[in-house]
Amino acid sequence: MVDVPYRWNSRRDVDEAVVVVMNTMDSEHEIGGWLMETLQDAINNSDPELVMHFFNELEKHRPEALRYFAKPEF
């Protein structure tokens, strides 16, 4: 079976991911496992503009979550 990478196709996809991060931080206080892997996959495989939107939104709404994700250099 081929592992298809997860990627964001729109700002809405990114905004939904940010909400998931925020909700997870509220309930579990940590990001890990499949969620961290899936979002890092999206960071690595999505349009750089969408990736920057993700990091900008996290910076505004949940800056403490930034430590879980590796920001690529463009």
C-alpha atoms as a PDB file:
ATOM      1  CA  MET A   1       0.000   0.000   0.000  1.00  0.00           C
ATOM      2  CA  VAL A   2       1.338   3.421  -0.957  1.00  0.00           C
ATOM      3  CA  ASP A   3       1.294   6.036   1.789  1.00  0.00           C
ATOM      4  CA  VAL A   4      -0.314   9.154   0.292  1.00  0.00           C
ATOM      5  CA  PRO A   5       0.965  12.302   1.971  1.00  0.00           C
ATOM      6  CA  TYR A   6      -1.520  14.644   3.555  1.00  0.00           C
ATOM      7  CA  ARG A   7      -1.474  18.168   2.183  1.00  0.00           C
ATOM      8  CA  TRP A   8      -3.475  21.338   2.449  1.00  0.00           C
ATOM      9  CA  ASN A   9      -5.258  22.534  -0.692  1.00  0.00           C
ATOM     10  CA  SER A  10      -6.827  25.729   0.643  1.00  0.00           C
ATOM     11  CA  ARG A  11      -6.675  28.250   3.464  1.00  0.00           C
ATOM     12  CA  ARG A  12      -9.803  26.599   4.835  1.00  0.00           C
ATOM     13  CA  ASP A  13      -7.896  23.310   5.174  1.00  0.00           C
ATOM     14  CA  VAL A  14      -5.214  25.170   7.126  1.00  0.00           C
ATOM     15  CA  ASP A  15      -7.742  26.986   9.304  1.00  0.00           C
ATOM     16  CA  GLU A  16      -9.402  23.677  10.163  1.00  0.00           C
ATOM     17  CA  ALA A  17      -6.007  22.214  11.101  1.00  0.00           C
ATOM     18  CA  VAL A  18      -5.333  25.191  13.375  1.00  0.00           C
ATOM     19  CA  VAL A  19      -8.690  24.654  15.101  1.00  0.00           C
ATOM     20  CA  VAL A  20      -7.811  20.986  15.640  1.00  0.00           C
ATOM     21  CA  VAL A  21      -4.481  22.025  17.180  1.00  0.00           C
ATOM     22  CA  MET A  22      -6.206  24.559  19.421  1.00  0.00           C
ATOM     23  CA  ASN A  23      -8.838  22.053  20.568  1.00  0.00           C
ATOM     24  CA  THR A  24      -6.214  19.375  21.182  1.00  0.00           C
ATOM     25  CA  MET A  25      -4.081  21.761  23.228  1.00  0.00           C
ATOM     26  CA  ASP A  26      -7.163  22.714  25.250  1.00  0.00           C
ATOM     27  CA  SER A  27      -8.101  19.134  26.044  1.00  0.00           C
ATOM     28  CA  GLU A  28      -4.807  17.224  26.086  1.00  0.00           C
ATOM     29  CA  HIS A  29      -2.232  20.024  26.478  1.00  0.00           C
ATOM     30  CA  GLU A  30       0.090  18.160  24.079  1.00  0.00           C
ATOM     31  CA  ILE A  31       0.301  17.445  20.369  1.00  0.00           C
ATOM     32  CA  GLY A  32       1.662  14.030  19.481  1.00  0.00           C
ATOM     33  CA  GLY A  33       1.254  10.794  17.634  1.00  0.00           C
ATOM     34  CA  TRP A  34      -0.786  10.674  14.462  1.00  0.00           C
ATOM     35  CA  LEU A  35      -1.850  14.329  14.676  1.00  0.00           C
ATOM     36  CA  MET A  36       1.690  15.670  14.855  1.00  0.00           C
ATOM     37  CA  GLU A  37       2.814  13.309  12.079  1.00  0.00           C
ATOM     38  CA  THR A  38      -0.140  14.204   9.836  1.00  0.00           C
ATOM     39  CA  LEU A  39       0.293  17.944  10.277  1.00  0.00           C
ATOM     40  CA  GLN A  40       4.050  17.737   9.728  1.00  0.00           C
ATOM     41  CA  ASP A  41       3.293  15.795   6.555  1.00  0.00           C
ATOM     42  CA  ALA A  42       1.021  18.641   5.436  1.00  0.00           C
ATOM     43  CA  ILE A  43       3.726  21.177   6.281  1.00  0.00           C
ATOM     44  CA  ASN A  44       6.236  19.229   4.201  1.00  0.00           C
ATOM     45  CA  ASN A  45       3.937  18.652   1.217  1.00  0.00           C
ATOM     46  CA  SER A  46       1.763  21.755   0.867  1.00  0.00           C
ATOM     47  CA  ASP A  47       2.137  25.017  -0.982  1.00  0.00           C
ATOM     48  CA  PRO A  48       4.553  27.305   0.903  1.00  0.00           C
ATOM     49  CA  GLU A  49       1.904  30.043   1.121  1.00  0.00           C
ATOM     50  CA  LEU A  50      -0.435  27.670   2.966  1.00  0.00           C
ATOM     51  CA  VAL A  51       2.384  26.530   5.233  1.00  0.00           C
ATOM     52  CA  MET A  52       3.175  30.139   6.134  1.00  0.00           C
ATOM     53  CA  HIS A  53      -0.528  30.709   6.836  1.00  0.00           C
ATOM     54  CA  PHE A  54      -0.475  27.730   9.244  1.00  0.00           C
ATOM     55  CA  PHE A  55       2.520  29.072  11.155  1.00  0.00           C
ATOM     56  CA  ASN A  56       1.123  32.624  11.211  1.00  0.00           C
ATOM     57  CA  GLU A  57      -2.217  31.422  12.567  1.00  0.00           C
ATOM     58  CA  LEU A  58      -0.560  29.260  15.213  1.00  0.00           C
ATOM     59  CA  GLU A  59       1.595  32.218  16.219  1.00  0.00           C
ATOM     60  CA  LYS A  60      -1.566  34.285  16.742  1.00  0.00           C
ATOM     61  CA  HIS A  61      -3.777  31.700  18.411  1.00  0.00           C
ATOM     62  CA  ARG A  62      -1.568  29.022  20.029  1.00  0.00           C
ATOM     63  CA  PRO A  63       2.097  30.042  19.973  1.00  0.00           C
ATOM     64  CA  GLU A  64       2.950  27.307  22.470  1.00  0.00           C
ATOM     65  CA  ALA A  65       2.062  24.727  19.782  1.00  0.00           C
ATOM     66  CA  LEU A  66       4.804  25.964  17.452  1.00  0.00           C
ATOM     67  CA  ARG A  67       7.389  23.804  19.233  1.00  0.00           C
ATOM     68  CA  TYR A  68       5.764  20.651  17.841  1.00  0.00           C
ATOM     69  CA  PHE A  69       6.305  21.449  14.174  1.00  0.00           C
ATOM     70  CA  ALA A  70       9.418  21.873  12.047  1.00  0.00           C
ATOM     71  CA  LYS A  71       9.135  24.943   9.870  1.00  0.00           C
ATOM     72  CA  PRO A  72      10.675  24.381   6.430  1.00  0.00           C
ATOM     73  CA  GLU A  73      12.928  26.935   4.820  1.00  0.00           C
ATOM     74  CA  PHE A  74      11.626  28.262   1.528  1.00  0.00           C
END
